C-alpha atoms as a PDB file:
ATOM      1  CA  UNK A   1       7.595  23.308  18.514  1.00  0.00           C
ATOM      2  CA  UNK A   2       8.420  19.750  19.561  1.00  0.00           C
ATOM      3  CA  UNK A   3       4.725  19.094  20.140  1.00  0.00           C
ATOM      4  CA  UNK A   4       3.902  20.193  16.600  1.00  0.00           C
ATOM      5  CA  UNK A   5       6.603  17.934  15.157  1.00  0.00           C
ATOM      6  CA  UNK A   6       5.300  14.963  17.123  1.00  0.00           C
ATOM      7  CA  UNK A   7       1.757  15.718  15.967  1.00  0.00           C
ATOM      8  CA  UNK A   8       2.821  15.785  12.296  1.00  0.00           C
ATOM      9  CA  UNK A   9       4.706  12.508  12.738  1.00  0.00           C
ATOM     10  CA  UNK A  10       1.769  10.772  14.425  1.00  0.00           C
ATOM     11  CA  UNK A  11      -0.702  12.120  11.867  1.00  0.00           C
ATOM     12  CA  UNK A  12       1.421  10.796   8.989  1.00  0.00           C
ATOM     13  CA  UNK A  13       1.944   7.442  10.671  1.00  0.00           C
ATOM     14  CA  UNK A  14      -1.718   7.022  11.563  1.00  0.00           C
ATOM     15  CA  UNK A  15      -2.982   7.683   8.028  1.00  0.00           C
ATOM     16  CA  UNK A  16      -0.453   5.247   6.554  1.00  0.00           C
ATOM     17  CA  UNK A  17      -1.322   2.567   9.098  1.00  0.00           C
ATOM     18  CA  UNK A  18      -5.045   3.062   8.520  1.00  0.00           C
ATOM     19  CA  UNK A  19      -4.651   2.815   4.751  1.00  0.00           C
ATOM     20  CA  UNK A  20      -2.563  -0.371   5.038  1.00  0.00           C
ATOM     21  CA  UNK A  21      -5.112  -1.886   7.421  1.00  0.00           C
ATOM     22  CA  UNK A  22      -7.956  -1.136   5.020  1.00  0.00           C
ATOM     23  CA  UNK A  23      -5.970  -2.498   2.066  1.00  0.00           C
ATOM     24  CA  UNK A  24      -5.270  -5.713   4.003  1.00  0.00           C
ATOM     25  CA  UNK A  25      -8.965  -6.035   4.858  1.00  0.00           C
ATOM     26  CA  UNK A  26      -9.954  -5.370   1.233  1.00  0.00           C
ATOM     27  CA  UNK A  27      -7.481  -8.008  -0.003  1.00  0.00           C
ATOM     28  CA  UNK A  28      -8.726 -10.538   2.570  1.00  0.00           C
ATOM     29  CA  UNK A  29     -12.267 -10.099   1.262  1.00  0.00           C
ATOM     30  CA  UNK A  30     -11.181 -10.426  -2.385  1.00  0.00           C
ATOM     31  CA  UNK A  31      -8.883 -13.431  -2.853  1.00  0.00           C
ATOM     32  CA  UNK A  32      -8.839 -13.083  -6.652  1.00  0.00           C
ATOM     33  CA  UNK A  33      -7.444  -9.559  -6.337  1.00  0.00           C
ATOM     34  CA  UNK A  34      -5.020 -10.760  -3.678  1.00  0.00           C
ATOM     35  CA  UNK A  35      -3.770 -13.507  -6.015  1.00  0.00           C
ATOM     36  CA  UNK A  36      -3.379 -11.095  -8.931  1.00  0.00           C
ATOM     37  CA  UNK A  37      -1.403  -8.688  -6.730  1.00  0.00           C
ATOM     38  CA  UNK A  38       0.771 -11.520  -5.420  1.00  0.00           C
ATOM     39  CA  UNK A  39       1.486 -12.643  -8.992  1.00  0.00           C
ATOM     40  CA  UNK A  40       2.565  -9.105  -9.911  1.00  0.00           C
ATOM     41  CA  UNK A  41       4.830  -8.925  -6.855  1.00  0.00           C
ATOM     42  CA  UNK A  42       6.444 -12.280  -7.677  1.00  0.00           C
ATOM     43  CA  UNK A  43       6.993 -11.293 -11.313  1.00  0.00           C
ATOM     44  CA  UNK A  44       8.605  -7.949 -10.465  1.00  0.00           C
ATOM     45  CA  UNK A  45      10.758  -9.400  -7.673  1.00  0.00           C
ATOM     46  CA  UNK A  46      11.906 -12.208  -9.969  1.00  0.00           C
ATOM     47  CA  UNK A  47      13.202  -9.595 -12.411  1.00  0.00           C
ATOM     48  CA  UNK A  48      15.053  -7.755  -9.630  1.00  0.00           C
ATOM     49  CA  UNK A  49      16.398 -10.958  -8.052  1.00  0.00           C
ATOM     50  CA  UNK A  50      14.275 -10.432  -4.948  1.00  0.00           C
ATOM     51  CA  UNK A  51      15.462  -6.895  -4.301  1.00  0.00           C
ATOM     52  CA  UNK A  52      12.689  -4.411  -3.582  1.00  0.00           C
ATOM     53  CA  UNK A  53      13.870  -1.156  -5.089  1.00  0.00           C
ATOM     54  CA  UNK A  54      12.182   2.141  -5.831  1.00  0.00           C
ATOM     55  CA  UNK A  55      12.215   1.253  -9.527  1.00  0.00           C
ATOM     56  CA  UNK A  56      10.556  -2.094  -8.774  1.00  0.00           C
ATOM     57  CA  UNK A  57       7.818  -0.322  -6.832  1.00  0.00           C
ATOM     58  CA  UNK A  58       7.297   2.052  -9.753  1.00  0.00           C
ATOM     59  CA  UNK A  59       6.619  -0.955 -12.022  1.00  0.00           C
ATOM     60  CA  UNK A  60       3.929  -2.369  -9.704  1.00  0.00           C
ATOM     61  CA  UNK A  61       0.915  -0.871 -11.462  1.00  0.00           C
ATOM     62  CA  UNK A  62      -1.612  -3.267  -9.944  1.00  0.00           C
ATOM     63  CA  UNK A  63      -0.353  -2.441  -6.440  1.00  0.00           C
ATOM     64  CA  UNK A  64      -0.861   1.228  -7.269  1.00  0.00           C
ATOM     65  CA  UNK A  65      -4.418   0.440  -8.386  1.00  0.00           C
ATOM     66  CA  UNK A  66      -5.135  -1.501  -5.180  1.00  0.00           C
ATOM     67  CA  UNK A  67      -3.922   1.394  -3.045  1.00  0.00           C
ATOM     68  CA  UNK A  68      -5.887   3.928  -5.109  1.00  0.00           C
ATOM     69  CA  UNK A  69      -9.060   1.838  -4.799  1.00  0.00           C
ATOM     70  CA  UNK A  70      -8.496   1.446  -1.062  1.00  0.00           C
ATOM     71  CA  UNK A  71      -8.199   5.209  -0.689  1.00  0.00           C
ATOM     72  CA  UNK A  72     -11.329   5.682  -2.801  1.00  0.00           C
ATOM     73  CA  UNK A  73     -13.357   3.257  -0.666  1.00  0.00           C
ATOM     74  CA  UNK A  74     -11.860   4.260   2.678  1.00  0.00           C
ATOM     75  CA  UNK A  75     -10.589   7.846   2.479  1.00  0.00           C
ATOM     76  CA  UNK A  76      -8.360   8.763   5.412  1.00  0.00           C
ATOM     77  CA  UNK A  77      -9.969  12.187   5.726  1.00  0.00           C
ATOM     78  CA  UNK A  78     -13.335  10.847   6.836  1.00  0.00           C
END
């Protein structure tokens, strides 16, 4: 039972880490997209006085698009 729990934890962590690594690589190759994402982050965080809340994350539509495109280009199931 403990082994199964550890396996589920590692599997979830690994897919998240892989997706973030691919997104970072994608952003490094595309500075214009990186700048647009950074501008969105600054704008949202300015409205929330620098506090990163769940609601602030929900407003980050471009971030959602970047993650969706990363998963399209580099699916974690392959």
